[in-house]
C-alpha atoms as a PDB file:
ATOM      1  CA  MET A   1       4.793  22.856 133.679  1.00  0.00           C
ATOM      2  CA  PHE A   2       7.001  25.903 133.156  1.00  0.00           C
ATOM      3  CA  VAL A   3       9.026  25.213 136.321  1.00  0.00           C
ATOM      4  CA  GLU A   4       9.525  21.580 135.387  1.00  0.00           C
ATOM      5  CA  LYS A   5      10.849  22.466 131.938  1.00  0.00           C
ATOM      6  CA  LEU A   6      13.110  25.104 133.430  1.00  0.00           C
ATOM      7  CA  LYS A   7      14.541  22.546 135.848  1.00  0.00           C
ATOM      8  CA  ALA A   8      15.025  20.052 133.015  1.00  0.00           C
ATOM      9  CA  ALA A   9      16.859  22.687 130.931  1.00  0.00           C
ATOM     10  CA  PHE A  10      19.389  23.231 133.739  1.00  0.00           C
ATOM     11  CA  ALA A  11      19.626  19.596 134.878  1.00  0.00           C
ATOM     12  CA  SER A  12      23.146  19.240 133.463  1.00  0.00           C
ATOM     13  CA  PHE A  13      24.380  21.928 135.895  1.00  0.00           C
ATOM     14  CA  ASN A  14      23.989  19.490 138.809  1.00  0.00           C
ATOM     15  CA  THR A  15      27.425  17.918 138.275  1.00  0.00           C
ATOM     16  CA  PRO A  16      30.747  19.832 138.326  1.00  0.00           C
ATOM     17  CA  GLN A  17      31.672  18.549 134.865  1.00  0.00           C
ATOM     18  CA  GLY A  18      28.277  19.441 133.454  1.00  0.00           C
ATOM     19  CA  PHE A  19      28.383  22.874 135.051  1.00  0.00           C
ATOM     20  CA  LEU A  20      31.821  23.584 133.538  1.00  0.00           C
ATOM     21  CA  LEU A  21      30.871  22.396 130.044  1.00  0.00           C
ATOM     22  CA  GLU A  22      27.561  24.234 130.002  1.00  0.00           C
ATOM     23  CA  SER A  23      29.156  27.423 131.336  1.00  0.00           C
ATOM     24  CA  LEU A  24      31.870  27.356 128.659  1.00  0.00           C
ATOM     25  CA  GLN A  25      29.239  26.794 125.983  1.00  0.00           C
ATOM     26  CA  ILE A  26      27.140  29.721 127.227  1.00  0.00           C
ATOM     27  CA  VAL A  27      30.172  32.025 127.350  1.00  0.00           C
ATOM     28  CA  ALA A  28      31.292  30.977 123.850  1.00  0.00           C
ATOM     29  CA  ILE A  29      27.836  31.564 122.378  1.00  0.00           C
ATOM     30  CA  ALA A  30      27.539  34.916 124.180  1.00  0.00           C
ATOM     31  CA  VAL A  31      30.903  36.089 122.796  1.00  0.00           C
ATOM     32  CA  ILE A  32      29.983  35.046 119.257  1.00  0.00           C
ATOM     33  CA  ILE A  33      26.592  36.766 119.454  1.00  0.00           C
ATOM     34  CA  TYR A  34      28.235  39.902 120.878  1.00  0.00           C
ATOM     35  CA  PHE A  35      30.630  40.208 117.939  1.00  0.00           C
ATOM     36  CA  MET A  36      27.890  39.410 115.432  1.00  0.00           C
ATOM     37  CA  ILE A  37      25.747  42.216 116.879  1.00  0.00           C
ATOM     38  CA  LYS A  38      28.696  44.640 116.686  1.00  0.00           C
ATOM     39  CA  ILE A  39      29.205  43.738 113.024  1.00  0.00           C
ATOM     40  CA  MET A  40      25.503  44.312 112.332  1.00  0.00           C
ATOM     41  CA  PHE A  41      25.425  47.770 113.911  1.00  0.00           C
ATOM     42  CA  ALA A  42      28.767  48.771 112.367  1.00  0.00           C
ATOM     43  CA  ASN A  43      27.351  48.007 108.931  1.00  0.00           C
ATOM     44  CA  ASN A  44      23.961  49.680 109.276  1.00  0.00           C
ATOM     45  CA  ALA A  45      22.087  46.419 109.731  1.00  0.00           C
ATOM     46  CA  SER A  46      20.417  47.171 113.059  1.00  0.00           C
ATOM     47  CA  VAL A  47      17.065  46.115 111.570  1.00  0.00           C
ATOM     48  CA  LEU A  48      18.448  42.590 111.211  1.00  0.00           C
ATOM     49  CA  PHE A  49      19.315  42.610 114.917  1.00  0.00           C
ATOM     50  CA  TRP A  50      15.699  43.333 115.842  1.00  0.00           C
ATOM     51  CA  VAL A  51      14.563  40.568 113.510  1.00  0.00           C
ATOM     52  CA  TYR A  52      16.868  38.126 115.291  1.00  0.00           C
ATOM     53  CA  LEU A  53      15.690  39.381 118.692  1.00  0.00           C
ATOM     54  CA  ALA A  54      12.050  38.824 117.739  1.00  0.00           C
ATOM     55  CA  PHE A  55      12.941  35.384 116.413  1.00  0.00           C
ATOM     56  CA  THR A  56      14.724  34.580 119.696  1.00  0.00           C
ATOM     57  CA  LEU A  57      11.662  35.544 121.733  1.00  0.00           C
ATOM     58  CA  VAL A  58       9.456  33.385 119.553  1.00  0.00           C
ATOM     59  CA  MET A  59      11.949  30.542 119.952  1.00  0.00           C
ATOM     60  CA  GLY A  60      11.833  30.924 123.742  1.00  0.00           C
ATOM     61  CA  VAL A  61       8.052  30.705 123.764  1.00  0.00           C
ATOM     62  CA  CYS A  62       8.087  27.693 121.463  1.00  0.00           C
ATOM     63  CA  LEU A  63      10.623  25.879 123.648  1.00  0.00           C
ATOM     64  CA  PHE A  64       8.459  26.136 126.744  1.00  0.00           C
ATOM     65  CA  MET A  65       5.115  25.683 124.997  1.00  0.00           C
ATOM     66  CA  SER A  66       6.122  22.519 123.125  1.00  0.00           C
ATOM     67  CA  ASN A  67       7.254  19.118 124.332  1.00  0.00           C
ATOM     68  CA  TYR A  68      10.811  19.280 125.639  1.00  0.00           C
ATOM     69  CA  GLU A  69      12.102  16.582 123.240  1.00  0.00           C
ATOM     70  CA  TYR A  70      11.712  19.087 120.400  1.00  0.00           C
ATOM     71  CA  ALA A  71      13.780  21.740 122.173  1.00  0.00           C
ATOM     72  CA  GLY A  72      17.065  20.460 120.751  1.00  0.00           C
ATOM     73  CA  ILE A  73      15.725  20.572 117.196  1.00  0.00           C
ATOM     74  CA  LEU A  74      14.353  24.099 117.641  1.00  0.00           C
ATOM     75  CA  MET A  75      17.617  25.326 119.158  1.00  0.00           C
ATOM     76  CA  LEU A  76      19.617  23.781 116.323  1.00  0.00           C
ATOM     77  CA  LEU A  77      17.386  25.494 113.751  1.00  0.00           C
ATOM     78  CA  PHE A  78      17.876  28.820 115.527  1.00  0.00           C
ATOM     79  CA  GLN A  79      21.673  28.466 115.601  1.00  0.00           C
ATOM     80  CA  VAL A  80      21.799  27.545 111.916  1.00  0.00           C
ATOM     81  CA  PHE A  81      19.536  30.470 111.025  1.00  0.00           C
ATOM     82  CA  PHE A  82      21.549  32.945 113.112  1.00  0.00           C
ATOM     83  CA  TYR A  83      25.109  31.951 112.269  1.00  0.00           C
ATOM     84  CA  LEU A  84      24.605  31.157 108.592  1.00  0.00           C
ATOM     85  CA  GLY A  85      22.518  34.298 108.121  1.00  0.00           C
ATOM     86  CA  VAL A  86      25.194  36.536 109.588  1.00  0.00           C
ATOM     87  CA  VAL A  87      28.094  34.765 107.838  1.00  0.00           C
ATOM     88  CA  VAL A  88      26.406  34.947 104.430  1.00  0.00           C
ATOM     89  CA  LEU A  89      25.420  38.591 104.776  1.00  0.00           C
ATOM     90  CA  PHE A  90      28.607  39.855 106.414  1.00  0.00           C
ATOM     91  CA  SER A  91      31.353  37.497 105.248  1.00  0.00           C
ATOM     92  CA  THR A  92      33.482  40.386 103.964  1.00  0.00           C
ATOM     93  CA  GLU A  93      33.055  42.433 107.150  1.00  0.00           C
ATOM     94  CA  ILE A  94      33.878  39.405 109.326  1.00  0.00           C
ATOM     95  CA  LYS A  95      37.094  38.710 107.397  1.00  0.00           C
ATOM     96  CA  ARG A  96      38.066  42.357 107.624  1.00  0.00           C
ATOM     97  CA  THR A  97      37.439  42.409 111.395  1.00  0.00           C
ATOM     98  CA  ILE A  98      39.466  39.222 111.974  1.00  0.00           C
ATOM     99  CA  TRP A  99      42.327  40.522 109.813  1.00  0.00           C
ATOM    100  CA  GLN A 100      42.439  43.829 111.687  1.00  0.00           C
ATOM    101  CA  LYS A 101      42.259  42.133 115.090  1.00  0.00           C
ATOM    102  CA  ARG A 102      45.028  39.720 114.199  1.00  0.00           C
ATOM    103  CA  PHE A 103      47.508  42.066 112.606  1.00  0.00           C
ATOM    104  CA  GLY A 104      46.592  45.265 114.426  1.00  0.00           C
ATOM    105  CA  ARG A 105      45.988  48.732 113.044  1.00  0.00           C
ATOM    106  CA  HIS A 106      49.255  50.424 113.844  1.00  0.00           C
ATOM    107  CA  LYS A 107      51.282  48.725 111.143  1.00  0.00           C
ATOM    108  CA  HIS A 108      50.507  48.635 107.471  1.00  0.00           C
ATOM    109  CA  GLY A 109      52.076  45.995 105.309  1.00  0.00           C
ATOM    110  CA  GLU A 110      52.403  47.766 101.979  1.00  0.00           C
ATOM    111  CA  THR A 111      54.849  50.383 103.187  1.00  0.00           C
ATOM    112  CA  GLY A 112      56.116  48.592 106.267  1.00  0.00           C
ATOM    113  CA  SER A 113      55.769  51.848 108.189  1.00  0.00           C
ATOM    114  CA  SER A 114      54.585  52.209 111.774  1.00  0.00           C
ATOM    115  CA  PHE A 115      52.134  55.038 112.232  1.00  0.00           C
ATOM    116  CA  ASP A 116      50.065  55.225 115.383  1.00  0.00           C
ATOM    117  CA  ALA A 117      46.687  56.836 115.882  1.00  0.00           C
ATOM    118  CA  ASP A 118      47.951  59.693 118.071  1.00  0.00           C
ATOM    119  CA  ALA A 119      50.353  60.819 115.360  1.00  0.00           C
ATOM    120  CA  ALA A 120      47.595  60.585 112.750  1.00  0.00           C
ATOM    121  CA  ILE A 121      45.282  62.700 114.896  1.00  0.00           C
ATOM    122  CA  GLU A 122      47.859  65.451 115.313  1.00  0.00           C
ATOM    123  CA  GLU A 123      48.576  65.538 111.567  1.00  0.00           C
ATOM    124  CA  ILE A 124      44.866  65.802 110.757  1.00  0.00           C
ATOM    125  CA  VAL A 125      44.308  68.535 113.356  1.00  0.00           C
ATOM    126  CA  LYS A 126      47.306  70.491 112.053  1.00  0.00           C
ATOM    127  CA  ALA A 127      46.067  70.285 108.451  1.00  0.00           C
ATOM    128  CA  ILE A 128      42.517  71.330 109.360  1.00  0.00           C
ATOM    129  CA  GLN A 129      43.744  74.240 111.477  1.00  0.00           C
ATOM    130  CA  ASN A 130      45.917  75.507 108.605  1.00  0.00           C
ATOM    131  CA  MET A 131      43.117  75.150 106.046  1.00  0.00           C
ATOM    132  CA  SER A 132      40.654  76.865 108.378  1.00  0.00           C
ATOM    133  CA  LYS A 133      43.001  79.838 108.860  1.00  0.00           C
ATOM    134  CA  ASN A 134      43.540  80.172 105.119  1.00  0.00           C
ATOM    135  CA  ASP A 135      39.874  79.615 104.131  1.00  0.00           C
ATOM    136  CA  VAL A 136      40.696  76.479 102.166  1.00  0.00           C
ATOM    137  CA  GLY A 137      37.654  74.242 101.741  1.00  0.00           C
ATOM    138  CA  ALA A 138      37.971  70.593 102.745  1.00  0.00           C
ATOM    139  CA  LEU A 139      35.830  67.493 103.194  1.00  0.00           C
ATOM    140  CA  ILE A 140      37.366  64.587 105.142  1.00  0.00           C
ATOM    141  CA  ILE A 141      35.530  61.319 105.772  1.00  0.00           C
ATOM    142  CA  LEU A 142      36.495  59.087 108.708  1.00  0.00           C
ATOM    143  CA  SER A 143      35.614  55.626 107.456  1.00  0.00           C
ATOM    144  CA  ASN A 144      35.680  52.232 109.148  1.00  0.00           C
ATOM    145  CA  GLY A 145      35.761  50.395 105.828  1.00  0.00           C
ATOM    146  CA  ASN A 146      32.018  50.302 105.180  1.00  0.00           C
ATOM    147  CA  LEU A 147      31.803  52.922 102.421  1.00  0.00           C
ATOM    148  CA  PRO A 148      29.953  51.942  99.243  1.00  0.00           C
ATOM    149  CA  THR A 149      32.322  50.795  96.502  1.00  0.00           C
ATOM    150  CA  GLY A 150      30.971  53.469  94.166  1.00  0.00           C
ATOM    151  CA  VAL A 151      32.194  56.243  96.476  1.00  0.00           C
ATOM    152  CA  LEU A 152      35.766  54.957  96.496  1.00  0.00           C
ATOM    153  CA  GLU A 153      35.789  54.256  92.766  1.00  0.00           C
ATOM    154  CA  SER A 154      34.703  57.837  92.038  1.00  0.00           C
ATOM    155  CA  GLY A 155      38.040  59.134  93.364  1.00  0.00           C
ATOM    156  CA  VAL A 156      41.731  58.285  93.183  1.00  0.00           C
ATOM    157  CA  TYR A 157      43.086  55.444  95.317  1.00  0.00           C
ATOM    158  CA  LEU A 158      46.130  56.570  97.338  1.00  0.00           C
ATOM    159  CA  ASN A 159      46.774  54.294 100.346  1.00  0.00           C
ATOM    160  CA  ALA A 160      49.239  56.826 101.773  1.00  0.00           C
ATOM    161  CA  ASP A 161      50.461  57.699 105.239  1.00  0.00           C
ATOM    162  CA  ILE A 162      48.552  60.553 106.840  1.00  0.00           C
ATOM    163  CA  SER A 163      50.458  63.826 106.870  1.00  0.00           C
ATOM    164  CA  ALA A 164      49.363  67.430 107.202  1.00  0.00           C
ATOM    165  CA  GLN A 165      51.320  68.431 104.096  1.00  0.00           C
ATOM    166  CA  LEU A 166      49.668  65.773 101.945  1.00  0.00           C
ATOM    167  CA  ILE A 167      46.163  66.648 103.180  1.00  0.00           C
ATOM    168  CA  GLU A 168      46.738  70.352 102.530  1.00  0.00           C
ATOM    169  CA  SER A 169      48.176  69.714  99.084  1.00  0.00           C
ATOM    170  CA  ILE A 170      45.132  67.609  98.130  1.00  0.00           C
ATOM    171  CA  PHE A 171      42.757  70.448  99.070  1.00  0.00           C
ATOM    172  CA  PHE A 172      44.895  73.194  97.555  1.00  0.00           C
ATOM    173  CA  PRO A 173      42.456  75.186  95.366  1.00  0.00           C
ATOM    174  CA  LYS A 174      44.327  74.407  92.148  1.00  0.00           C
ATOM    175  CA  SER A 175      44.670  70.703  92.918  1.00  0.00           C
ATOM    176  CA  ALA A 176      42.763  68.347  90.636  1.00  0.00           C
ATOM    177  CA  LEU A 177      41.342  66.552  93.697  1.00  0.00           C
ATOM    178  CA  HIS A 178      40.328  69.504  95.877  1.00  0.00           C
ATOM    179  CA  ASP A 179      36.604  69.413  95.023  1.00  0.00           C
ATOM    180  CA  GLY A 180      36.101  65.819  96.176  1.00  0.00           C
ATOM    181  CA  ALA A 181      36.192  64.102  99.554  1.00  0.00           C
ATOM    182  CA  LEU A 182      39.277  62.686 101.229  1.00  0.00           C
ATOM    183  CA  ILE A 183      38.693  59.222 102.708  1.00  0.00           C
ATOM    184  CA  LEU A 184      40.627  58.170 105.810  1.00  0.00           C
ATOM    185  CA  LYS A 185      40.556  54.503 106.793  1.00  0.00           C
ATOM    186  CA  ASP A 186      42.485  53.404 109.856  1.00  0.00           C
ATOM    187  CA  THR A 187      45.607  55.579 109.872  1.00  0.00           C
ATOM    188  CA  ARG A 188      45.844  55.782 106.081  1.00  0.00           C
ATOM    189  CA  ILE A 189      44.610  58.121 103.387  1.00  0.00           C
ATOM    190  CA  GLN A 190      42.612  55.618 101.382  1.00  0.00           C
ATOM    191  CA  ALA A 191      41.386  57.796  98.513  1.00  0.00           C
ATOM    192  CA  ALA A 192      40.875  61.419  97.457  1.00  0.00           C
ATOM    193  CA  GLY A 193      38.654  63.327  95.046  1.00  0.00           C
ATOM    194  CA  CYS A 194      35.659  61.114  95.842  1.00  0.00           C
ATOM    195  CA  PHE A 195      32.117  62.248  95.031  1.00  0.00           C
ATOM    196  CA  LEU A 196      29.420  61.817  97.665  1.00  0.00           C
ATOM    197  CA  PRO A 197      25.600  61.820  97.687  1.00  0.00           C
ATOM    198  CA  VAL A 198      24.106  65.199  98.594  1.00  0.00           C
ATOM    199  CA  ALA A 199      21.833  65.564 101.640  1.00  0.00           C
ATOM    200  CA  GLN A 200      18.130  65.340 100.763  1.00  0.00           C
ATOM    201  CA  GLU A 201      16.992  67.574 103.626  1.00  0.00           C
ATOM    202  CA  PHE A 202      15.411  70.729 102.208  1.00  0.00           C
ATOM    203  CA  ASN A 203      15.409  72.882 105.344  1.00  0.00           C
ATOM    204  CA  LEU A 204      19.188  73.106 105.620  1.00  0.00           C
ATOM    205  CA  SER A 205      20.727  76.495 106.275  1.00  0.00           C
ATOM    206  CA  LYS A 206      21.686  78.488 103.181  1.00  0.00           C
ATOM    207  CA  ASP A 207      25.106  78.921 104.773  1.00  0.00           C
ATOM    208  CA  LEU A 208      25.846  75.255 104.087  1.00  0.00           C
ATOM    209  CA  GLY A 209      27.594  74.795 100.752  1.00  0.00           C
ATOM    210  CA  SER A 210      28.072  71.729  98.560  1.00  0.00           C
ATOM    211  CA  ARG A 211      30.770  70.236 100.803  1.00  0.00           C
ATOM    212  CA  HIS A 212      28.525  70.427 103.853  1.00  0.00           C
ATOM    213  CA  ARG A 213      25.596  68.908 101.982  1.00  0.00           C
ATOM    214  CA  ALA A 214      27.764  66.121 100.588  1.00  0.00           C
ATOM    215  CA  GLY A 215      29.285  65.274 103.969  1.00  0.00           C
ATOM    216  CA  LEU A 216      25.900  65.391 105.666  1.00  0.00           C
ATOM    217  CA  GLY A 217      24.307  63.325 102.889  1.00  0.00           C
ATOM    218  CA  LEU A 218      26.826  60.507 103.316  1.00  0.00           C
ATOM    219  CA  THR A 219      26.334  60.345 107.086  1.00  0.00           C
ATOM    220  CA  GLU A 220      22.577  59.986 106.545  1.00  0.00           C
ATOM    221  CA  THR A 221      23.110  56.576 104.944  1.00  0.00           C
ATOM    222  CA  VAL A 222      26.512  55.321 106.143  1.00  0.00           C
ATOM    223  CA  ASN A 223      27.995  55.084 109.638  1.00  0.00           C
ATOM    224  CA  VAL A 224      30.892  57.504 109.086  1.00  0.00           C
ATOM    225  CA  THR A 225      32.013  60.902 110.385  1.00  0.00           C
ATOM    226  CA  ALA A 226      32.554  63.874 108.070  1.00  0.00           C
ATOM    227  CA  ILE A 227      34.799  66.847 108.878  1.00  0.00           C
ATOM    228  CA  ILE A 228      34.114  69.923 106.743  1.00  0.00           C
ATOM    229  CA  VAL A 229      36.058  73.174 106.426  1.00  0.00           C
ATOM    230  CA  SER A 230      34.162  76.056 104.834  1.00  0.00           C
ATOM    231  CA  GLU A 231      35.877  77.686 101.880  1.00  0.00           C
ATOM    232  CA  GLU A 232      34.040  80.965 102.490  1.00  0.00           C
ATOM    233  CA  THR A 233      34.449  81.342 106.255  1.00  0.00           C
ATOM    234  CA  GLY A 234      36.989  78.750 107.416  1.00  0.00           C
ATOM    235  CA  ILE A 235      34.421  77.420 109.898  1.00  0.00           C
ATOM    236  CA  ILE A 236      34.988  73.779 110.899  1.00  0.00           C
ATOM    237  CA  SER A 237      31.938  71.509 111.046  1.00  0.00           C
ATOM    238  CA  ILE A 238      31.427  67.853 111.955  1.00  0.00           C
ATOM    239  CA  ALA A 239      28.614  65.708 110.536  1.00  0.00           C
ATOM    240  CA  LYS A 240      27.545  62.344 111.898  1.00  0.00           C
ATOM    241  CA  GLY A 241      24.315  60.380 111.772  1.00  0.00           C
ATOM    242  CA  GLY A 242      22.674  62.941 109.496  1.00  0.00           C
ATOM    243  CA  LYS A 243      23.331  65.772 111.998  1.00  0.00           C
ATOM    244  CA  ILE A 244      25.856  68.585 111.699  1.00  0.00           C
ATOM    245  CA  ILE A 245      27.698  70.578 114.369  1.00  0.00           C
ATOM    246  CA  ARG A 246      29.238  73.878 113.303  1.00  0.00           C
ATOM    247  CA  TYR A 247      31.893  76.120 114.844  1.00  0.00           C
ATOM    248  CA  VAL A 248      33.936  73.158 116.080  1.00  0.00           C
ATOM    249  CA  ASP A 249      37.023  74.209 118.042  1.00  0.00           C
ATOM    250  CA  THR A 250      40.379  72.418 118.168  1.00  0.00           C
ATOM    251  CA  ASN A 251      39.612  70.513 121.387  1.00  0.00           C
ATOM    252  CA  SER A 252      36.308  69.192 120.037  1.00  0.00           C
ATOM    253  CA  LEU A 253      37.960  68.254 116.753  1.00  0.00           C
ATOM    254  CA  ARG A 254      40.734  66.368 118.516  1.00  0.00           C
ATOM    255  CA  GLN A 255      38.210  64.585 120.756  1.00  0.00           C
ATOM    256  CA  THR A 256      36.150  63.532 117.727  1.00  0.00           C
ATOM    257  CA  LEU A 257      39.244  62.043 116.127  1.00  0.00           C
ATOM    258  CA  LYS A 258      40.227  60.269 119.350  1.00  0.00           C
ATOM    259  CA  ASP A 259      36.742  58.815 119.708  1.00  0.00           C
ATOM    260  CA  PHE A 260      36.859  57.565 116.134  1.00  0.00           C
ATOM    261  CA  TYR A 261      40.333  56.055 116.216  1.00  0.00           C
ATOM    262  CA  TRP A 262      40.293  54.445 119.635  1.00  0.00           C
ATOM    263  CA  GLN A 263      36.807  53.006 119.218  1.00  0.00           C
ATOM    264  CA  ASP A 264      37.962  51.762 115.826  1.00  0.00           C
ATOM    265  CA  LEU A 265      41.013  50.107 117.372  1.00  0.00           C
ATOM    266  CA  ILE A 266      38.957  48.058 119.829  1.00  0.00           C
ATOM    267  CA  ARG A 267      36.270  47.020 117.334  1.00  0.00           C
END
């Protein structure tokens, strides 16, 4: 029974035309599912992926346990459930991904300037090195556009080119924005002076101040990377996924930025 249904499912592959059409359809569906899964994981919706996977397994069992004439109906229901579910839940993220893929991330329309990721990385590294040497506290968030609206609205919207001088001036101790977080999105300074949720973990080291706890707290709930410079010691730390790495050197800092930007460019 199982073998017969399997043969019937692939009967259209017997002709060259059928093989070509079916292959193109499989590739198209695979590409769509791949990008949908990437959008899910990029927006902290991995649970939804496992729900869809479980649903797919159930669908597979149903297809081979039921009469084959119902297979088309079951497959149609699955496609409607999958595509509509993802589009409804992630319509904003999908539009943002398409826009970024189409127009690229090196050019930014509002200023008409061209500012590549390598230049942005060097400016960020330079600013962090200077602040670390001078014991200037800083909290920089590397965002891929999935921050809660409340975080951005708590600060001042800038949409400025990244430069070491601007970053250092924002965190200058007498600056009105120095206590909040600086948000970087793509190769732009999106906002500054933003307030973040504080980490809920109670066994954190007493050496970690409010900036460390805020950066760590955000990475516990959102898929972002936080770079923290200690005001007391100048130590550079990196937080991601609710974990923090301290005593980060220049090479590790630069590699973290490269990983963020170049993975972001191919998303």
